[in-house]
Amino acid sequence: MAVPKRKMSRSNTRHRRAQWKATTPDLAPVYVDGAEYHVPRRLVRAYERGLLPLPGK
Protein backbone atom coordinates (compact mmCIF):
# COMPACT_ATOMS: atom_id res chain seq x y z
CA MET A 1 0.00 0.00 0.00
CA ALA A 2 1.24 3.48 -0.82
CA VAL A 3 2.29 5.55 2.16
CA PRO A 4 2.66 9.34 1.86
CA LYS A 5 6.18 10.59 2.45
CA ARG A 6 4.99 13.87 3.94
CA LYS A 7 1.92 15.15 5.72
CA MET A 8 -0.71 16.51 3.34
CA SER A 9 -2.03 19.96 4.28
CA ARG A 10 -5.60 20.36 5.43
CA SER A 11 -6.35 22.60 2.44
CA ASN A 12 -5.03 20.06 -0.08
CA THR A 13 -6.88 17.24 1.64
CA ARG A 14 -10.19 19.10 1.51
CA HIS A 15 -9.70 20.17 -2.11
CA ARG A 16 -9.03 16.57 -3.09
CA ARG A 17 -12.05 15.23 -1.19
CA ALA A 18 -14.33 17.88 -2.69
CA GLN A 19 -13.82 16.40 -6.18
CA TRP A 20 -15.68 13.18 -5.35
CA LYS A 21 -19.34 13.23 -6.36
CA ALA A 22 -21.96 10.50 -6.15
CA THR A 23 -24.10 9.85 -9.23
CA THR A 24 -27.73 8.85 -9.23
CA PRO A 25 -28.39 5.35 -10.58
CA ASP A 26 -29.95 4.89 -14.02
CA LEU A 27 -33.62 4.09 -13.57
CA ALA A 28 -35.30 1.59 -15.87
CA PRO A 29 -39.03 0.99 -16.19
CA VAL A 30 -40.33 -2.33 -14.82
CA TYR A 31 -43.87 -3.60 -15.34
CA VAL A 32 -45.19 -5.74 -12.49
CA ASP A 33 -48.90 -6.66 -12.30
CA GLY A 34 -49.68 -4.07 -14.97
CA ALA A 35 -48.11 -1.20 -13.03
CA GLU A 36 -44.98 0.64 -14.10
CA TYR A 37 -42.16 1.23 -11.61
CA HIS A 38 -38.81 2.94 -12.15
CA VAL A 39 -36.03 1.03 -10.44
CA PRO A 40 -32.22 0.94 -10.73
CA ARG A 41 -31.19 -0.93 -13.88
CA ARG A 42 -29.05 -3.48 -12.04
CA LEU A 43 -32.02 -4.53 -9.88
CA VAL A 44 -34.60 -5.01 -12.66
CA ARG A 45 -34.46 -8.81 -12.63
CA ALA A 46 -34.76 -8.97 -8.85
CA TYR A 47 -37.94 -6.86 -8.95
CA GLU A 48 -39.38 -8.93 -11.80
CA ARG A 49 -38.79 -12.17 -9.88
CA GLY A 50 -40.30 -10.74 -6.70
CA LEU A 51 -37.11 -10.94 -4.66
CA LEU A 52 -37.35 -7.28 -3.59
CA PRO A 53 -40.40 -5.34 -2.39
CA LEU A 54 -41.68 -2.89 -4.98
CA PRO A 55 -41.02 0.81 -4.31
CA GLY A 56 -44.02 2.62 -2.89
CA LYS A 57 -45.61 -0.49 -1.39
PDB file of N, CA and C in Angstrom:
ATOM      1  N   MET A   1       0.837  -1.175   0.000  1.00  0.00           N
ATOM      2  CA  MET A   1       0.000   0.000   0.000  1.00  0.00           C
ATOM      3  C   MET A   1       0.887   1.246   0.000  1.00  0.00           C
ATOM      4  N   ALA A   2       0.463   2.248  -0.749  1.00  0.00           N
ATOM      5  CA  ALA A   2       1.238   3.485  -0.824  1.00  0.00           C
ATOM      6  C   ALA A   2       1.124   4.256   0.492  1.00  0.00           C
ATOM      7  N   VAL A   3       2.246   4.761   0.936  1.00  0.00           N
ATOM      8  CA  VAL A   3       2.286   5.552   2.158  1.00  0.00           C
ATOM      9  C   VAL A   3       2.851   6.919   1.818  1.00  0.00           C
ATOM     10  N   PRO A   4       2.147   8.011   2.188  1.00  0.00           N
ATOM     11  CA  PRO A   4       2.660   9.336   1.859  1.00  0.00           C
ATOM     12  C   PRO A   4       3.975   9.625   2.583  1.00  0.00           C
ATOM     13  N   LYS A   5       4.885  10.280   1.866  1.00  0.00           N
ATOM     14  CA  LYS A   5       6.181  10.588   2.452  1.00  0.00           C
ATOM     15  C   LYS A   5       6.094  11.783   3.393  1.00  0.00           C
ATOM     16  N   ARG A   6       5.158  12.685   3.100  1.00  0.00           N
ATOM     17  CA  ARG A   6       4.991  13.871   3.937  1.00  0.00           C
ATOM     18  C   ARG A   6       3.518  14.071   4.275  1.00  0.00           C
ATOM     19  N   LYS A   7       3.288  14.848   5.325  1.00  0.00           N
ATOM     20  CA  LYS A   7       1.920  15.149   5.718  1.00  0.00           C
ATOM     21  C   LYS A   7       1.256  16.042   4.666  1.00  0.00           C
ATOM     22  N   MET A   8       0.025  15.699   4.314  1.00  0.00           N
ATOM     23  CA  MET A   8      -0.708  16.508   3.342  1.00  0.00           C
ATOM     24  C   MET A   8      -1.442  17.616   4.100  1.00  0.00           C
ATOM     25  N   SER A   9      -1.401  18.833   3.584  1.00  0.00           N
ATOM     26  CA  SER A   9      -2.028  19.961   4.275  1.00  0.00           C
ATOM     27  C   SER A   9      -3.544  19.794   4.326  1.00  0.00           C
ATOM     28  N   ARG A  10      -4.149  20.422   5.273  1.00  0.00           N
ATOM     29  CA  ARG A  10      -5.603  20.359   5.427  1.00  0.00           C
ATOM     30  C   ARG A  10      -6.290  20.914   4.178  1.00  0.00           C
ATOM     31  N   SER A  11      -5.767  21.991   3.631  1.00  0.00           N
ATOM     32  CA  SER A  11      -6.350  22.597   2.436  1.00  0.00           C
ATOM     33  C   SER A  11      -6.305  21.638   1.248  1.00  0.00           C
ATOM     34  N   ASN A  12      -5.157  21.007   1.031  1.00  0.00           N
ATOM     35  CA  ASN A  12      -5.032  20.063  -0.085  1.00  0.00           C
ATOM     36  C   ASN A  12      -5.934  18.852   0.116  1.00  0.00           C
ATOM     37  N   THR A  13      -6.028  18.396   1.350  1.00  0.00           N
ATOM     38  CA  THR A  13      -6.883  17.244   1.638  1.00  0.00           C
ATOM     39  C   THR A  13      -8.332  17.574   1.313  1.00  0.00           C
ATOM     40  N   ARG A  14      -8.790  18.735   1.739  1.00  0.00           N
ATOM     41  CA  ARG A  14     -10.187  19.104   1.512  1.00  0.00           C
ATOM     42  C   ARG A  14     -10.467  19.382   0.041  1.00  0.00           C
ATOM     43  N   HIS A  15      -9.512  19.952  -0.670  1.00  0.00           N
ATOM     44  CA  HIS A  15      -9.703  20.171  -2.113  1.00  0.00           C
ATOM     45  C   HIS A  15      -9.806  18.838  -2.845  1.00  0.00           C
ATOM     46  N   ARG A  16      -8.999  17.874  -2.448  1.00  0.00           N
ATOM     47  CA  ARG A  16      -9.034  16.565  -3.090  1.00  0.00           C
ATOM     48  C   ARG A  16     -10.360  15.856  -2.799  1.00  0.00           C
ATOM     49  N   ARG A  17     -10.799  15.909  -1.562  1.00  0.00           N
ATOM     50  CA  ARG A  17     -12.046  15.234  -1.189  1.00  0.00           C
ATOM     51  C   ARG A  17     -13.265  15.882  -1.833  1.00  0.00           C
ATOM     52  N   ALA A  18     -13.192  17.166  -2.115  1.00  0.00           N
ATOM     53  CA  ALA A  18     -14.334  17.879  -2.688  1.00  0.00           C
ATOM     54  C   ALA A  18     -14.601  17.464  -4.132  1.00  0.00           C
ATOM     55  N   GLN A  19     -13.660  16.800  -4.777  1.00  0.00           N
ATOM     56  CA  GLN A  19     -13.823  16.405  -6.178  1.00  0.00           C
ATOM     57  C   GLN A  19     -14.722  15.188  -6.336  1.00  0.00           C
ATOM     58  N   TRP A  20     -14.885  14.404  -5.269  1.00  0.00           N
ATOM     59  CA  TRP A  20     -15.681  13.184  -5.353  1.00  0.00           C
ATOM     60  C   TRP A  20     -17.153  13.532  -5.355  1.00  0.00           C
ATOM     61  N   LYS A  21     -17.900  12.971  -6.301  1.00  0.00           N
ATOM     62  CA  LYS A  21     -19.335  13.232  -6.358  1.00  0.00           C
ATOM     63  C   LYS A  21     -20.060  11.926  -6.633  1.00  0.00           C
ATOM     64  N   ALA A  22     -21.141  11.687  -5.917  1.00  0.00           N
ATOM     65  CA  ALA A  22     -21.958  10.499  -6.151  1.00  0.00           C
ATOM     66  C   ALA A  22     -22.878  10.758  -7.338  1.00  0.00           C
ATOM     67  N   THR A  23     -23.178   9.717  -8.098  1.00  0.00           N
ATOM     68  CA  THR A  23     -24.097   9.850  -9.227  1.00  0.00           C
ATOM     69  C   THR A  23     -25.357   9.056  -8.925  1.00  0.00           C
ATOM     70  N   THR A  24     -26.473   9.557  -9.427  1.00  0.00           N
ATOM     71  CA  THR A  24     -27.727   8.848  -9.230  1.00  0.00           C
ATOM     72  C   THR A  24     -27.768   7.644 -10.160  1.00  0.00           C
ATOM     73  N   PRO A  25     -28.352   6.537  -9.733  1.00  0.00           N
ATOM     74  CA  PRO A  25     -28.393   5.348 -10.577  1.00  0.00           C
ATOM     75  C   PRO A  25     -29.355   5.527 -11.749  1.00  0.00           C
ATOM     76  N   ASP A  26     -29.050   4.878 -12.879  1.00  0.00           N
ATOM     77  CA  ASP A  26     -29.947   4.890 -14.022  1.00  0.00           C
ATOM     78  C   ASP A  26     -31.206   4.125 -13.658  1.00  0.00           C
ATOM     79  N   LEU A  27     -32.363   4.743 -13.885  1.00  0.00           N
ATOM     80  CA  LEU A  27     -33.623   4.092 -13.568  1.00  0.00           C
ATOM     81  C   LEU A  27     -34.232   3.510 -14.834  1.00  0.00           C
ATOM     82  N   ALA A  28     -34.690   2.277 -14.739  1.00  0.00           N
ATOM     83  CA  ALA A  28     -35.304   1.590 -15.866  1.00  0.00           C
ATOM     84  C   ALA A  28     -36.744   1.257 -15.504  1.00  0.00           C
ATOM     85  N   PRO A  29     -37.643   1.331 -16.488  1.00  0.00           N
ATOM     86  CA  PRO A  29     -39.032   0.985 -16.189  1.00  0.00           C
ATOM     87  C   PRO A  29     -39.210  -0.525 -16.042  1.00  0.00           C
ATOM     88  N   VAL A  30     -40.011  -0.926 -15.059  1.00  0.00           N
ATOM     89  CA  VAL A  30     -40.331  -2.331 -14.824  1.00  0.00           C
ATOM     90  C   VAL A  30     -41.844  -2.425 -14.706  1.00  0.00           C
ATOM     91  N   TYR A  31     -42.423  -3.404 -15.387  1.00  0.00           N
ATOM     92  CA  TYR A  31     -43.871  -3.603 -15.336  1.00  0.00           C
ATOM     93  C   TYR A  31     -44.167  -4.844 -14.506  1.00  0.00           C
ATOM     94  N   VAL A  32     -44.823  -4.652 -13.371  1.00  0.00           N
ATOM     95  CA  VAL A  32     -45.190  -5.745 -12.487  1.00  0.00           C
ATOM     96  C   VAL A  32     -46.681  -5.609 -12.199  1.00  0.00           C
ATOM     97  N   ASP A  33     -47.445  -6.661 -12.503  1.00  0.00           N
ATOM     98  CA  ASP A  33     -48.899  -6.663 -12.299  1.00  0.00           C
ATOM     99  C   ASP A  33     -49.574  -5.488 -13.000  1.00  0.00           C
ATOM    100  N   GLY A  34     -49.082  -5.131 -14.181  1.00  0.00           N
ATOM    101  CA  GLY A  34     -49.684  -4.068 -14.971  1.00  0.00           C
ATOM    102  C   GLY A  34     -49.328  -2.666 -14.534  1.00  0.00           C
ATOM    103  N   ALA A  35     -48.519  -2.521 -13.507  1.00  0.00           N
ATOM    104  CA  ALA A  35     -48.111  -1.201 -13.030  1.00  0.00           C
ATOM    105  C   ALA A  35     -46.651  -0.964 -13.405  1.00  0.00           C
ATOM    106  N   GLU A  36     -46.343   0.292 -13.699  1.00  0.00           N
ATOM    107  CA  GLU A  36     -44.979   0.640 -14.096  1.00  0.00           C
ATOM    108  C   GLU A  36     -44.234   1.230 -12.906  1.00  0.00           C
ATOM    109  N   TYR A  37     -43.033   0.735 -12.670  1.00  0.00           N
ATOM    110  CA  TYR A  37     -42.162   1.234 -11.612  1.00  0.00           C
ATOM    111  C   TYR A  37     -40.819   1.580 -12.236  1.00  0.00           C
ATOM    112  N   HIS A  38     -40.160   2.594 -11.706  1.00  0.00           N
ATOM    113  CA  HIS A  38     -38.815   2.942 -12.149  1.00  0.00           C
ATOM    114  C   HIS A  38     -37.847   2.511 -11.051  1.00  0.00           C
ATOM    115  N   VAL A  39     -36.970   1.590 -11.400  1.00  0.00           N
ATOM    116  CA  VAL A  39     -36.028   1.028 -10.436  1.00  0.00           C
ATOM    117  C   VAL A  39     -34.621   1.072 -11.030  1.00  0.00           C
ATOM    118  N   PRO A  40     -33.584   0.972 -10.203  1.00  0.00           N
ATOM    119  CA  PRO A  40     -32.219   0.936 -10.734  1.00  0.00           C
ATOM    120  C   PRO A  40     -32.046  -0.225 -11.712  1.00  0.00           C
ATOM    121  N   ARG A  41     -31.329   0.043 -12.790  1.00  0.00           N
ATOM    122  CA  ARG A  41     -31.194  -0.925 -13.877  1.00  0.00           C
ATOM    123  C   ARG A  41     -30.615  -2.256 -13.411  1.00  0.00           C
ATOM    124  N   ARG A  42     -29.681  -2.221 -12.469  1.00  0.00           N
ATOM    125  CA  ARG A  42     -29.053  -3.475 -12.041  1.00  0.00           C
ATOM    126  C   ARG A  42     -29.971  -4.334 -11.182  1.00  0.00           C
ATOM    127  N   LEU A  43     -31.109  -3.780 -10.725  1.00  0.00           N
ATOM    128  CA  LEU A  43     -32.024  -4.534  -9.879  1.00  0.00           C
ATOM    129  C   LEU A  43     -33.302  -4.944 -10.600  1.00  0.00           C
ATOM    130  N   VAL A  44     -33.379  -4.730 -11.909  1.00  0.00           N
ATOM    131  CA  VAL A  44     -34.603  -5.012 -12.655  1.00  0.00           C
ATOM    132  C   VAL A  44     -35.024  -6.466 -12.507  1.00  0.00           C
ATOM    133  N   ARG A  45     -34.111  -7.390 -12.705  1.00  0.00           N
ATOM    134  CA  ARG A  45     -34.462  -8.814 -12.630  1.00  0.00           C
ATOM    135  C   ARG A  45     -34.948  -9.215 -11.248  1.00  0.00           C
ATOM    136  N   ALA A  46     -34.345  -8.644 -10.213  1.00  0.00           N
ATOM    137  CA  ALA A  46     -34.764  -8.972  -8.849  1.00  0.00           C
ATOM    138  C   ALA A  46     -36.198  -8.513  -8.599  1.00  0.00           C
ATOM    139  N   TYR A  47     -36.566  -7.334  -9.111  1.00  0.00           N
ATOM    140  CA  TYR A  47     -37.941  -6.857  -8.946  1.00  0.00           C
ATOM    141  C   TYR A  47     -38.906  -7.707  -9.758  1.00  0.00           C
ATOM    142  N   GLU A  48     -38.512  -8.108 -10.959  1.00  0.00           N
ATOM    143  CA  GLU A  48     -39.383  -8.930 -11.804  1.00  0.00           C
ATOM    144  C   GLU A  48     -39.642 -10.296 -11.167  1.00  0.00           C
ATOM    145  N   ARG A  49     -38.649 -10.849 -10.504  1.00  0.00           N
ATOM    146  CA  ARG A  49     -38.792 -12.169  -9.883  1.00  0.00           C
ATOM    147  C   ARG A  49     -39.460 -12.109  -8.516  1.00  0.00           C
ATOM    148  N   GLY A  50     -39.654 -10.889  -7.990  1.00  0.00           N
ATOM    149  CA  GLY A  50     -40.297 -10.740  -6.697  1.00  0.00           C
ATOM    150  C   GLY A  50     -39.362 -10.907  -5.520  1.00  0.00           C
ATOM    151  N   LEU A  51     -38.072 -10.784  -5.748  1.00  0.00           N
ATOM    152  CA  LEU A  51     -37.107 -10.939  -4.658  1.00  0.00           C
ATOM    153  C   LEU A  51     -37.010  -9.694  -3.786  1.00  0.00           C
ATOM    154  N   LEU A  52     -37.393  -8.537  -4.335  1.00  0.00           N
ATOM    155  CA  LEU A  52     -37.352  -7.278  -3.593  1.00  0.00           C
ATOM    156  C   LEU A  52     -38.748  -6.671  -3.544  1.00  0.00           C
ATOM    157  N   PRO A  53     -39.082  -5.997  -2.440  1.00  0.00           N
ATOM    158  CA  PRO A  53     -40.403  -5.341  -2.388  1.00  0.00           C
ATOM    159  C   PRO A  53     -40.436  -4.161  -3.354  1.00  0.00           C
ATOM    160  N   LEU A  54     -41.553  -3.964  -4.008  1.00  0.00           N
ATOM    161  CA  LEU A  54     -41.678  -2.887  -4.984  1.00  0.00           C
ATOM    162  C   LEU A  54     -41.658  -1.529  -4.285  1.00  0.00           C
ATOM    163  N   PRO A  55     -41.056  -0.524  -4.927  1.00  0.00           N
ATOM    164  CA  PRO A  55     -41.021   0.808  -4.306  1.00  0.00           C
ATOM    165  C   PRO A  55     -42.429   1.378  -4.199  1.00  0.00           C
ATOM    166  N   GLY A  56     -42.709   2.004  -3.093  1.00  0.00           N
ATOM    167  CA  GLY A  56     -44.018   2.616  -2.892  1.00  0.00           C
ATOM    168  C   GLY A  56     -45.054   1.686  -2.307  1.00  0.00           C
ATOM    169  N   LYS A  57     -44.655   0.460  -1.982  1.00  0.00           N
ATOM    170  CA  LYS A  57     -45.612  -0.492  -1.393  1.00  0.00           C
ATOM    171  C   LYS A  57     -45.204  -0.806   0.022  1.00  0.00           C
TER     172      LYS A  57
END
